[in-house]
Protein backbone atom coordinates (compact mmCIF):
# COMPACT_ATOMS: atom_id res chain seq x y z
CA MET A 1 -0.04 0.00 0.03
CA GLU A 2 1.34 3.39 -1.07
CA THR A 3 1.14 6.28 1.35
CA GLU A 4 0.92 9.76 -0.08
CA LYS A 5 2.73 12.51 1.68
CA VAL A 6 0.63 15.62 1.95
CA VAL A 7 2.56 18.92 1.83
CA PRO A 8 0.82 22.13 2.98
CA GLU A 9 -0.06 24.28 -0.01
CA ALA A 10 1.91 27.18 1.38
CA GLU A 11 5.11 25.02 1.20
CA GLU A 12 4.62 23.82 -2.38
CA LEU A 13 6.86 25.36 -5.00
CA PRO A 14 5.08 26.63 -8.14
CA LYS A 15 5.32 23.74 -10.63
CA THR A 16 5.34 25.96 -13.64
CA ILE A 17 8.42 27.83 -12.39
CA VAL A 18 10.20 24.64 -11.38
CA ARG A 19 9.40 23.16 -14.83
CA ARG A 20 10.75 26.31 -16.52
CA VAL A 21 14.00 26.29 -14.44
CA VAL A 22 14.58 22.61 -15.14
CA LYS A 23 13.79 22.87 -18.83
CA ASP A 24 15.99 25.97 -19.16
CA LYS A 25 18.92 24.22 -17.50
CA LEU A 26 18.39 21.08 -19.55
CA HIS A 27 18.32 23.18 -22.67
CA ASP A 28 21.59 24.85 -21.67
CA CYS A 29 23.18 21.41 -21.24
CA SER A 30 21.96 20.08 -24.55
CA PRO A 31 20.57 22.85 -26.85
CA ASP A 32 20.05 20.55 -29.77
CA THR A 33 17.54 18.40 -28.02
CA ASP A 34 14.08 19.27 -26.76
CA ILE A 35 13.84 17.32 -23.52
CA SER A 36 10.55 16.79 -21.86
CA VAL A 37 10.12 16.32 -18.18
CA HIS A 38 7.83 13.58 -16.88
CA LYS A 39 5.19 14.47 -14.31
CA ASP A 40 6.86 12.27 -11.71
CA ALA A 41 10.22 13.83 -12.40
CA LEU A 42 8.78 17.31 -12.00
CA LEU A 43 7.32 16.22 -8.65
CA ALA A 44 10.65 14.89 -7.61
CA PHE A 45 12.34 18.21 -8.57
CA CYS A 46 9.71 20.17 -6.61
CA GLU A 47 10.02 17.96 -3.48
CA SER A 48 13.86 17.94 -3.69
CA ALA A 49 13.98 21.77 -3.94
CA ARG A 50 11.44 22.18 -1.10
CA ILE A 51 13.52 19.85 1.16
CA PHE A 52 16.71 21.68 0.24
CA ILE A 53 15.12 25.01 1.06
CA HIS A 54 14.03 23.60 4.47
CA TYR A 55 17.50 22.32 5.19
CA LEU A 56 19.21 25.47 4.11
CA SER A 57 16.73 27.65 6.04
CA ALA A 58 17.28 25.63 9.24
CA THR A 59 21.11 25.82 8.83
CA ALA A 60 20.93 29.57 8.19
CA ASN A 61 18.66 30.00 11.21
CA ASP A 62 21.16 28.15 13.43
CA ILE A 63 23.91 30.47 12.23
CA CYS A 64 21.74 33.49 12.89
CA LYS A 65 20.91 32.28 16.35
CA GLU A 66 24.63 31.66 17.12
CA SER A 67 25.18 35.35 16.31
CA LYS A 68 22.41 36.27 18.72
CA ARG A 69 20.21 37.74 15.99
CA GLN A 70 16.66 37.09 14.96
CA THR A 71 16.80 38.01 11.30
CA ILE A 72 18.55 35.81 8.69
CA ASN A 73 20.63 37.81 6.29
CA ALA A 74 22.32 36.90 3.02
CA GLU A 75 25.61 36.22 4.77
CA ASP A 76 23.89 33.65 6.99
CA VAL A 77 22.57 31.87 3.88
CA LEU A 78 25.99 31.92 2.19
CA LYS A 79 27.60 30.52 5.31
CA ALA A 80 24.84 27.88 5.50
CA ILE A 81 25.62 26.90 1.93
CA GLU A 82 29.25 26.40 2.89
CA GLU A 83 28.29 24.47 5.99
CA ILE A 84 26.19 21.98 4.10
CA ASP A 85 29.14 21.41 1.71
CA PHE A 86 28.00 23.37 -1.36
CA ASN A 87 31.11 25.53 -1.37
CA GLU A 88 31.33 25.67 -5.18
CA PHE A 89 28.08 27.72 -5.25
CA VAL A 90 29.12 30.48 -2.75
CA ASP A 91 31.16 32.57 -5.22
CA PRO A 92 28.64 32.56 -8.03
CA LEU A 93 25.82 33.28 -5.53
CA ARG A 94 27.85 36.12 -3.97
CA ASP A 95 28.41 37.54 -7.49
CA SER A 96 24.69 37.19 -8.31
CA LEU A 97 23.80 38.85 -5.00
CA ASP A 98 26.18 41.77 -5.65
CA GLU A 99 24.74 42.21 -9.14
CA PHE A 100 21.17 42.18 -7.74
CA ARG A 101 22.11 44.80 -5.08
CA GLN A 102 23.67 47.04 -7.68
CA LYS A 103 20.59 46.90 -9.88
CA ASN A 104 18.26 47.60 -6.96
CA ALA A 105 20.44 50.43 -5.64
CA GLY A 106 19.90 52.19 -8.91
CA LYS A 107 16.24 51.55 -8.74
CA ARG A 108 15.95 52.82 -5.16
CA ALA A 109 17.84 55.99 -6.04
CA GLY A 110 15.51 56.50 -8.96
CA THR A 111 12.44 55.70 -6.91
CA SER A 112 13.36 58.20 -4.17
CA LYS A 113 14.04 60.88 -6.77
CA SER A 114 10.73 60.28 -8.50
CA LYS A 115 8.91 60.24 -5.16
CA GLU A 116 10.48 63.57 -4.26
CA GLU A 117 9.49 64.99 -7.68
CA LYS A 118 5.90 63.70 -7.30
CA LYS A 119 5.69 65.16 -3.85
CA LYS A 120 6.90 68.50 -5.09
CA GLN A 121 4.41 68.43 -7.97
CA LYS A 122 1.59 67.50 -5.59
CA VAL A 123 2.45 70.51 -3.32
CA GLU A 124 2.60 72.76 -6.30
CA GLY A 125 -0.59 71.35 -7.66
CA GLU A 126 -2.41 71.89 -4.41
CA ALA A 127 -1.17 75.49 -4.18
CA SER A 128 -2.27 76.01 -7.74
CA LYS A 129 -5.69 74.54 -7.09
CA LYS A 130 -6.15 76.83 -4.10
CA SER A 131 -5.45 79.90 -6.16
CA CYS A 132 -7.48 78.66 -9.14
CA GLY A 133 -10.43 77.58 -7.00
CA LYS A 134 -11.09 81.03 -5.78
CA THR A 135 -14.11 82.83 -7.04
CA GLU A 136 -13.96 86.43 -8.25
CA LYS A 137 -15.72 87.42 -5.03
CA ASP A 138 -12.92 85.71 -2.92
CA LYS A 139 -10.23 87.49 -4.90
CA LYS A 140 -12.01 90.91 -4.46
CA ASN A 141 -12.31 90.21 -0.69
CA GLU A 142 -8.56 89.60 -0.50
CA GLU A 143 -7.84 93.01 -2.04
């Protein structure tokens, strides 16, 4: 008799994304062949990734607690990857993280500038509305 393991929906990884990642990687490995992924294989990839995330999270959490902190940061995750013997991934992940930070730093700077501009326009617009919304009677009363 086969028992089916039930995973809470919140813990399931999106199958479409997992399929896309797997197919993209397989395509990179052999671009001449269109490889299909069987439903069971996709399920195995999803479950393996979920378990890996749990294991990595628990290890990063332990590292975080050892540092007497409550928030896991990127360095905790990178140290956890080393601790679970995936050292060859640390440098590429660090490079990817640095690239991500640089892209977002530019976006944040642009976002704060545009927010300031919008705020300025809003203040100017409100001042303009106040002067435009006055009736002739109001304007005469001011004089």
